[in-house]
Amino acid sequence: MFARFALITASAIFIATPAIAGPSSSLDDRMVGRFDGQRDMKRVNAKCPFLAWTFNRTADGRFDVTFYSNPERTRVFNKERGMWWVQGGKLHILTEGVKKPDIYRFKFRSNNTVDYTLASAGIVDPCSDTYRFSEQKL
């Protein structure tokens, strides 16, 4: 009886655990760690506010990000978490509560600097068309 209960429990845990990366996706070790970034105000619509963030990507495919509304990073604007992976040479960011991931083309300018261009947005945002930014690994 106990063995059957343990098997059912283990099966339920396996089924309930979300897959971090799909069969044709992977995690890029260079993307793991803590990164700081901010919106390039020269490239966005004048209506778009300043935005900076600290993005933490872990080796198990999870992330958390804190957004700030001022350059000093003292006013927290929002916090999000979810899953990340690389598929087809693009970074996918799936935020909890959002059905589709944001997808970014990325290029390492150096070991510590990554340049991104938005390829597809999970949520339509007037500030995201032609969205480009860089992050610095801390």
Protein backbone atom coordinates (compact mmCIF):
# COMPACT_ATOMS: atom_id res chain seq x y z
CA MET A 1 0.00 0.00 0.00
CA PHE A 2 2.77 2.45 0.96
CA ALA A 3 4.71 1.64 -2.25
CA ARG A 4 1.61 2.37 -4.36
CA PHE A 5 1.03 5.67 -2.50
CA ALA A 6 4.69 6.65 -3.00
CA LEU A 7 4.50 5.85 -6.72
CA ILE A 8 1.31 7.89 -7.15
CA THR A 9 2.78 10.78 -5.17
CA ALA A 10 6.01 10.73 -7.18
CA SER A 11 4.03 10.62 -10.43
CA ALA A 12 1.90 13.58 -9.34
CA ILE A 13 4.99 15.62 -8.42
CA PHE A 14 6.60 14.83 -11.79
CA ILE A 15 3.46 15.82 -13.72
CA ALA A 16 2.94 19.00 -11.66
CA THR A 17 6.52 20.19 -12.07
CA PRO A 18 6.76 22.56 -15.06
CA ALA A 19 9.38 21.87 -17.69
CA ILE A 20 11.91 24.66 -17.66
CA ALA A 21 13.23 24.12 -21.16
CA GLY A 22 11.59 22.29 -24.04
CA PRO A 23 13.18 19.50 -26.08
CA SER A 24 14.65 21.87 -28.69
CA SER A 25 15.74 24.50 -26.20
CA SER A 26 18.56 24.87 -23.71
CA LEU A 27 20.09 27.15 -21.16
CA ASP A 28 23.10 29.23 -22.17
CA ASP A 29 25.54 29.33 -19.24
CA ARG A 30 26.69 32.81 -20.29
CA MET A 31 23.17 34.11 -19.51
CA VAL A 32 23.22 32.79 -15.92
CA GLY A 33 23.85 35.39 -13.26
CA ARG A 34 22.88 38.89 -12.23
CA PHE A 35 22.61 41.60 -14.88
CA ASP A 36 21.80 45.32 -14.78
CA GLY A 37 20.13 47.07 -17.69
CA GLN A 38 18.09 50.11 -18.60
CA ARG A 39 15.94 51.38 -21.43
CA ASP A 40 17.90 53.32 -24.05
CA MET A 41 15.98 56.59 -23.96
CA LYS A 42 17.42 57.66 -27.34
CA ARG A 43 15.72 54.73 -29.09
CA VAL A 44 12.22 54.76 -27.58
CA ASN A 45 9.08 56.79 -27.98
CA ALA A 46 9.20 60.07 -26.02
CA LYS A 47 6.11 58.92 -24.10
CA CYS A 48 7.98 55.96 -22.63
CA PRO A 49 9.27 56.52 -19.08
CA PHE A 50 12.74 55.77 -17.80
CA LEU A 51 13.14 52.12 -16.82
CA ALA A 52 16.09 50.26 -15.26
CA TRP A 53 16.26 46.71 -13.91
CA THR A 54 18.30 44.04 -12.20
CA PHE A 55 17.74 40.65 -13.80
CA ASN A 56 18.73 37.39 -12.08
CA ARG A 57 18.78 34.24 -14.25
CA THR A 58 19.55 30.95 -12.52
CA ALA A 59 21.05 27.75 -13.93
CA ASP A 60 17.73 25.90 -13.44
CA GLY A 61 15.93 28.16 -15.94
CA ARG A 62 14.20 30.46 -13.49
CA PHE A 63 14.46 34.22 -13.23
CA ASP A 64 13.45 37.17 -11.12
CA VAL A 65 13.71 40.80 -12.16
CA THR A 66 13.23 44.05 -10.28
CA PHE A 67 12.34 47.18 -12.28
CA TYR A 68 13.20 50.69 -11.12
CA SER A 69 11.66 54.00 -12.19
CA ASN A 70 14.73 56.15 -11.47
CA PRO A 71 18.42 55.99 -12.48
CA GLU A 72 19.53 55.64 -8.83
CA ARG A 73 17.48 52.41 -8.58
CA THR A 74 15.84 53.44 -5.34
CA ARG A 75 12.18 53.41 -6.51
CA VAL A 76 10.96 49.89 -7.28
CA PHE A 77 8.46 49.99 -10.14
CA ASN A 78 7.65 46.28 -10.44
CA LYS A 79 8.94 42.77 -9.73
CA GLU A 80 8.46 39.71 -11.91
CA ARG A 81 9.58 36.10 -11.98
CA GLY A 82 9.26 33.19 -14.33
CA MET A 83 11.28 30.93 -16.63
CA TRP A 84 13.93 31.55 -19.28
CA TRP A 85 15.57 29.48 -22.01
CA VAL A 86 17.41 29.79 -25.31
CA GLN A 87 15.79 28.30 -28.40
CA GLY A 88 16.71 28.91 -32.02
CA GLY A 89 19.50 31.23 -30.90
CA LYS A 90 17.02 33.54 -29.13
CA LEU A 91 16.39 34.25 -25.45
CA HIS A 92 12.84 33.43 -24.30
CA ILE A 93 11.50 35.06 -21.13
CA LEU A 94 8.18 33.69 -19.85
CA THR A 95 6.85 35.76 -16.96
CA GLU A 96 4.44 34.13 -14.51
CA GLY A 97 0.87 34.96 -15.48
CA VAL A 98 1.75 35.69 -19.13
CA LYS A 99 0.82 33.12 -21.79
CA LYS A 100 3.49 33.89 -24.39
CA PRO A 101 7.18 34.61 -23.80
CA ASP A 102 9.05 37.73 -24.82
CA ILE A 103 11.67 36.63 -27.35
CA TYR A 104 14.95 38.48 -27.88
CA ARG A 105 17.79 38.19 -30.34
CA PHE A 106 21.02 38.62 -28.39
CA LYS A 107 24.72 39.11 -29.03
CA PHE A 108 27.59 39.18 -26.56
CA ARG A 109 29.59 42.34 -27.11
CA SER A 110 32.04 41.14 -24.42
CA ASN A 111 32.09 38.53 -21.65
CA ASN A 112 30.06 40.91 -19.47
CA THR A 113 27.90 42.87 -21.94
CA VAL A 114 24.93 41.52 -23.87
CA ASP A 115 22.99 43.44 -26.53
CA TYR A 116 19.31 42.54 -27.09
CA THR A 117 16.71 43.30 -29.74
CA LEU A 118 13.08 42.36 -29.21
CA ALA A 119 11.93 39.77 -31.76
CA SER A 120 8.44 39.10 -30.33
CA ALA A 121 6.55 40.47 -27.31
CA GLY A 122 4.36 38.32 -25.08
CA ILE A 123 2.30 41.39 -24.19
CA VAL A 124 1.81 44.34 -26.53
CA ASP A 125 3.52 47.43 -25.13
CA PRO A 126 3.80 50.73 -27.05
CA CYS A 127 7.32 51.10 -25.67
CA SER A 128 8.51 47.74 -26.98
CA ASP A 129 8.48 48.14 -30.77
CA THR A 130 12.07 48.27 -32.01
CA TYR A 131 13.08 47.67 -28.38
CA ARG A 132 16.86 47.43 -27.97
CA PHE A 133 18.93 47.44 -24.82
CA SER A 134 22.12 46.15 -23.25
CA GLU A 135 22.78 44.43 -19.95
CA GLN A 136 25.97 44.35 -17.91
CA LYS A 137 26.80 41.22 -15.94
CA LEU A 138 27.60 42.05 -12.33
